[in-house]
């Protein structure tokens, strides 16, 4: 092999090693970024889950309160309404 070809091959080999090192560094950075993003996503998902649980408790309390109000209204109407003959014939 003549000298210019050898020098060119050595230069290409050195450049390839440099690119490989850069590529490894880039891969490590990408991996660290992905791991960080996954951890952030998991933390945010946990917060969202907690907020949903809190909202579910509040909603259940409101439903219970509404059901109690309906029960009380029905009981009051039963107490204050006039008695009927118990027949569903349209005469009441």
N, C-alpha and C. Protein backbone atom coordinates (compact mmCIF):
# COMPACT_ATOMS: atom_id res chain seq x y z
N UNK A 1 0.84 -1.16 0.00
CA UNK A 1 0.00 0.00 0.00
C UNK A 1 0.89 1.23 0.00
N UNK A 2 0.49 2.22 -0.75
CA UNK A 2 1.35 3.41 -0.75
C UNK A 2 0.97 4.33 0.41
N UNK A 3 1.84 5.25 0.68
CA UNK A 3 1.73 6.11 1.86
C UNK A 3 0.44 6.96 1.89
N UNK A 4 -0.01 7.59 0.83
CA UNK A 4 -1.23 8.41 0.90
C UNK A 4 -2.47 7.57 1.27
N UNK A 5 -2.54 6.35 0.72
CA UNK A 5 -3.69 5.50 1.05
C UNK A 5 -3.68 5.09 2.52
N UNK A 6 -2.51 4.79 3.04
CA UNK A 6 -2.37 4.41 4.44
C UNK A 6 -2.78 5.58 5.34
N UNK A 7 -2.32 6.76 5.00
CA UNK A 7 -2.65 7.94 5.80
C UNK A 7 -4.16 8.20 5.77
N UNK A 8 -4.76 8.01 4.61
CA UNK A 8 -6.20 8.21 4.48
C UNK A 8 -6.96 7.18 5.31
N UNK A 9 -6.52 5.93 5.26
CA UNK A 9 -7.16 4.90 6.06
C UNK A 9 -7.01 5.17 7.56
N UNK A 10 -5.85 5.62 7.98
CA UNK A 10 -5.64 5.95 9.38
C UNK A 10 -6.52 7.12 9.81
N UNK A 11 -6.65 8.11 8.93
CA UNK A 11 -7.48 9.27 9.24
C UNK A 11 -8.95 8.85 9.35
N UNK A 12 -9.39 7.99 8.46
CA UNK A 12 -10.78 7.50 8.51
C UNK A 12 -11.02 6.66 9.76
N UNK A 13 -10.04 5.85 10.13
CA UNK A 13 -10.18 5.03 11.33
C UNK A 13 -10.28 5.92 12.57
N UNK A 14 -9.45 6.95 12.64
CA UNK A 14 -9.49 7.87 13.78
C UNK A 14 -10.83 8.60 13.83
N UNK A 15 -11.31 9.02 12.69
CA UNK A 15 -12.60 9.71 12.63
C UNK A 15 -13.72 8.77 13.06
N UNK A 16 -13.65 7.52 12.64
CA UNK A 16 -14.67 6.53 13.03
C UNK A 16 -14.68 6.33 14.53
N UNK A 17 -13.50 6.24 15.15
CA UNK A 17 -13.43 6.09 16.60
C UNK A 17 -14.02 7.31 17.30
N UNK A 18 -13.73 8.47 16.76
CA UNK A 18 -14.27 9.70 17.35
C UNK A 18 -15.78 9.73 17.26
N UNK A 19 -16.30 9.34 16.11
CA UNK A 19 -17.76 9.30 15.94
C UNK A 19 -18.39 8.25 16.83
N UNK A 20 -17.73 7.13 17.00
CA UNK A 20 -18.26 6.08 17.86
C UNK A 20 -18.32 6.57 19.30
N UNK A 21 -17.27 7.26 19.74
CA UNK A 21 -17.26 7.80 21.11
C UNK A 21 -18.36 8.84 21.27
N UNK A 22 -18.53 9.68 20.28
CA UNK A 22 -19.59 10.68 20.32
C UNK A 22 -20.95 10.00 20.34
N UNK A 23 -21.07 8.96 19.56
CA UNK A 23 -22.33 8.23 19.50
C UNK A 23 -22.63 7.58 20.84
N UNK A 24 -21.63 7.01 21.51
CA UNK A 24 -21.83 6.41 22.83
C UNK A 24 -22.26 7.47 23.83
N UNK A 25 -21.61 8.61 23.77
CA UNK A 25 -21.96 9.72 24.66
C UNK A 25 -23.39 10.18 24.41
N UNK A 26 -23.76 10.26 23.15
CA UNK A 26 -25.11 10.66 22.78
C UNK A 26 -26.12 9.62 23.26
N UNK A 27 -25.77 8.35 23.13
CA UNK A 27 -26.66 7.30 23.61
C UNK A 27 -26.85 7.38 25.12
N UNK A 28 -25.78 7.64 25.85
CA UNK A 28 -25.88 7.76 27.30
C UNK A 28 -26.74 8.95 27.68
N UNK A 29 -26.56 10.07 26.97
CA UNK A 29 -27.37 11.25 27.24
C UNK A 29 -28.84 10.95 26.95
N UNK A 30 -29.09 10.27 25.84
CA UNK A 30 -30.46 9.91 25.48
C UNK A 30 -31.08 8.98 26.51
N UNK A 31 -30.29 8.05 26.98
CA UNK A 31 -30.77 7.10 27.98
C UNK A 31 -31.10 7.82 29.28
N UNK A 32 -30.22 8.73 29.70
CA UNK A 32 -30.45 9.50 30.93
C UNK A 32 -31.69 10.37 30.78
N UNK A 33 -31.86 10.97 29.61
CA UNK A 33 -33.05 11.80 29.36
C UNK A 33 -34.31 10.95 29.44
N UNK A 34 -34.30 9.79 28.80
CA UNK A 34 -35.48 8.92 28.80
C UNK A 34 -35.81 8.44 30.21
N UNK A 35 -34.79 8.10 30.99
CA UNK A 35 -35.03 7.67 32.37
C UNK A 35 -35.60 8.81 33.21
N UNK A 36 -35.07 10.02 33.01
CA UNK A 36 -35.58 11.18 33.73
C UNK A 36 -37.03 11.46 33.35
N UNK A 37 -37.31 11.38 32.06
CA UNK A 37 -38.68 11.62 31.60
C UNK A 37 -39.63 10.57 32.15
N UNK A 38 -39.19 9.33 32.21
CA UNK A 38 -40.03 8.26 32.76
C UNK A 38 -40.30 8.49 34.25
N UNK A 39 -39.29 8.92 34.98
CA UNK A 39 -39.46 9.20 36.41
C UNK A 39 -40.42 10.37 36.61
N UNK A 40 -40.27 11.42 35.78
CA UNK A 40 -41.18 12.56 35.87
C UNK A 40 -42.61 12.15 35.56
N UNK A 41 -42.78 11.33 34.54
CA UNK A 41 -44.12 10.87 34.17
C UNK A 41 -44.74 10.04 35.28
N UNK A 42 -43.95 9.18 35.89
CA UNK A 42 -44.47 8.35 36.99
C UNK A 42 -44.87 9.22 38.17
N UNK A 43 -44.07 10.23 38.49
CA UNK A 43 -44.40 11.12 39.60
C UNK A 43 -45.67 11.91 39.31
N UNK A 44 -45.81 12.39 38.09
CA UNK A 44 -47.01 13.14 37.73
C UNK A 44 -48.23 12.23 37.71
N UNK A 45 -48.07 11.01 37.27
CA UNK A 45 -49.19 10.06 37.27
C UNK A 45 -49.64 9.78 38.70
N UNK A 46 -48.71 9.71 39.62
CA UNK A 46 -49.06 9.48 41.03
C UNK A 46 -49.86 10.67 41.58
N UNK A 47 -49.43 11.88 41.25
CA UNK A 47 -50.15 13.08 41.69
C UNK A 47 -51.56 13.11 41.10
N UNK A 48 -51.67 12.78 39.82
CA UNK A 48 -52.98 12.76 39.17
C UNK A 48 -53.87 11.71 39.84
N UNK A 49 -53.31 10.55 40.15
CA UNK A 49 -54.07 9.51 40.84
C UNK A 49 -54.59 9.98 42.19
N UNK A 50 -53.74 10.68 42.94
CA UNK A 50 -54.16 11.20 44.24
C UNK A 50 -55.28 12.23 44.09
N UNK A 51 -55.16 13.10 43.09
CA UNK A 51 -56.20 14.11 42.85
C UNK A 51 -57.51 13.45 42.45
N UNK A 52 -57.43 12.39 41.65
CA UNK A 52 -58.65 11.67 41.26
C UNK A 52 -59.31 11.02 42.47
N UNK A 53 -58.51 10.46 43.35
CA UNK A 53 -59.06 9.86 44.57
C UNK A 53 -59.77 10.91 45.42
N UNK A 54 -59.13 12.07 45.58
CA UNK A 54 -59.74 13.15 46.36
C UNK A 54 -61.05 13.60 45.72
N UNK A 55 -61.05 13.76 44.40
CA UNK A 55 -62.26 14.19 43.69
C UNK A 55 -63.36 13.13 43.81
N UNK A 56 -62.99 11.87 43.81
CA UNK A 56 -63.97 10.79 43.95
C UNK A 56 -64.63 10.84 45.32
N UNK A 57 -63.85 11.11 46.36
CA UNK A 57 -64.40 11.21 47.71
C UNK A 57 -65.37 12.39 47.80
N UNK A 58 -64.99 13.52 47.24
CA UNK A 58 -65.85 14.71 47.25
C UNK A 58 -67.15 14.42 46.49
N UNK A 59 -67.04 13.79 45.33
CA UNK A 59 -68.23 13.47 44.53
C UNK A 59 -69.14 12.50 45.28
N UNK A 60 -68.56 11.50 45.91
CA UNK A 60 -69.36 10.53 46.68
C UNK A 60 -70.07 11.22 47.83
N UNK A 61 -69.39 12.15 48.48
CA UNK A 61 -70.03 12.91 49.56
C UNK A 61 -71.21 13.71 49.04
N UNK A 62 -71.05 14.34 47.89
CA UNK A 62 -72.14 15.13 47.30
C UNK A 62 -73.32 14.24 46.92
N UNK A 63 -73.04 13.07 46.36
CA UNK A 63 -74.11 12.14 46.00
C UNK A 63 -74.85 11.69 47.26
N UNK A 64 -74.11 11.38 48.31
CA UNK A 64 -74.74 10.96 49.57
C UNK A 64 -75.60 12.08 50.15
N UNK A 65 -75.08 13.30 50.08
CA UNK A 65 -75.83 14.45 50.57
C UNK A 65 -77.13 14.64 49.77
N UNK A 66 -77.04 14.51 48.46
CA UNK A 66 -78.22 14.63 47.61
C UNK A 66 -79.23 13.54 47.89
N UNK A 67 -78.76 12.32 48.07
CA UNK A 67 -79.67 11.20 48.37
C UNK A 67 -80.36 11.42 49.71
N UNK A 68 -79.64 11.93 50.69
CA UNK A 68 -80.24 12.20 52.00
C UNK A 68 -81.31 13.29 51.88
N UNK A 69 -81.04 14.31 51.07
CA UNK A 69 -82.03 15.37 50.86
C UNK A 69 -83.30 14.82 50.21
N UNK A 70 -83.15 13.97 49.23
CA UNK A 70 -84.31 13.36 48.57
C UNK A 70 -85.09 12.51 49.57
N UNK A 71 -84.38 11.72 50.36
CA UNK A 71 -85.04 10.89 51.38
C UNK A 71 -85.84 11.75 52.34
N UNK A 72 -85.23 12.85 52.79
CA UNK A 72 -85.92 13.74 53.73
C UNK A 72 -87.15 14.39 53.09
N UNK A 73 -87.01 14.80 51.82
CA UNK A 73 -88.16 15.40 51.12
C UNK A 73 -89.31 14.42 50.99
N UNK A 74 -89.00 13.19 50.62
CA UNK A 74 -90.04 12.17 50.46
C UNK A 74 -90.71 11.89 51.81
N UNK A 75 -89.91 11.79 52.85
CA UNK A 75 -90.47 11.52 54.19
C UNK A 75 -91.38 12.67 54.62
N UNK A 76 -90.96 13.89 54.36
CA UNK A 76 -91.77 15.06 54.73
C UNK A 76 -93.09 15.07 53.95
N UNK A 77 -93.05 14.77 52.66
CA UNK A 77 -94.27 14.74 51.85
C UNK A 77 -95.22 13.65 52.33
N UNK A 78 -94.68 12.53 52.77
CA UNK A 78 -95.53 11.45 53.29
C UNK A 78 -96.25 11.90 54.57
N UNK A 79 -95.52 12.62 55.40
CA UNK A 79 -96.08 13.06 56.67
C UNK A 79 -97.14 14.14 56.49
N UNK A 80 -96.95 15.01 55.50
CA UNK A 80 -97.85 16.16 55.34
C UNK A 80 -98.96 15.95 54.33
N UNK A 81 -98.91 14.92 53.54
CA UNK A 81 -99.95 14.72 52.54
C UNK A 81 -101.16 14.02 53.15
N UNK A 82 -102.29 14.23 52.49
CA UNK A 82 -103.52 13.59 52.96
C UNK A 82 -103.50 12.12 52.58
N UNK A 83 -104.08 11.29 53.40
CA UNK A 83 -104.10 9.86 53.07
C UNK A 83 -104.98 9.60 51.84
N UNK A 84 -104.63 8.55 51.12
CA UNK A 84 -105.40 8.17 49.95
C UNK A 84 -106.07 6.84 50.22
N UNK A 85 -106.91 6.43 49.26
CA UNK A 85 -107.58 5.14 49.44
C UNK A 85 -106.69 3.97 49.02
N UNK A 86 -105.50 4.28 48.48
CA UNK A 86 -104.56 3.23 48.13
C UNK A 86 -104.81 2.60 46.78
N UNK A 87 -105.83 3.06 46.08
CA UNK A 87 -106.13 2.50 44.76
C UNK A 87 -105.57 3.42 43.68
N UNK A 88 -105.07 2.82 42.62
CA UNK A 88 -104.54 3.59 41.49
C UNK A 88 -105.63 3.74 40.41
N UNK A 89 -106.70 4.41 40.80
CA UNK A 89 -107.81 4.53 39.87
C UNK A 89 -108.05 5.97 39.42
N UNK A 90 -107.17 6.89 39.81
CA UNK A 90 -107.30 8.28 39.38
C UNK A 90 -108.29 9.10 40.18
N UNK A 91 -108.80 8.59 41.25
CA UNK A 91 -109.78 9.33 42.05
C UNK A 91 -109.17 10.10 43.20
N UNK A 92 -107.90 9.99 43.41
CA UNK A 92 -107.25 10.68 44.54
C UNK A 92 -106.81 12.07 44.17
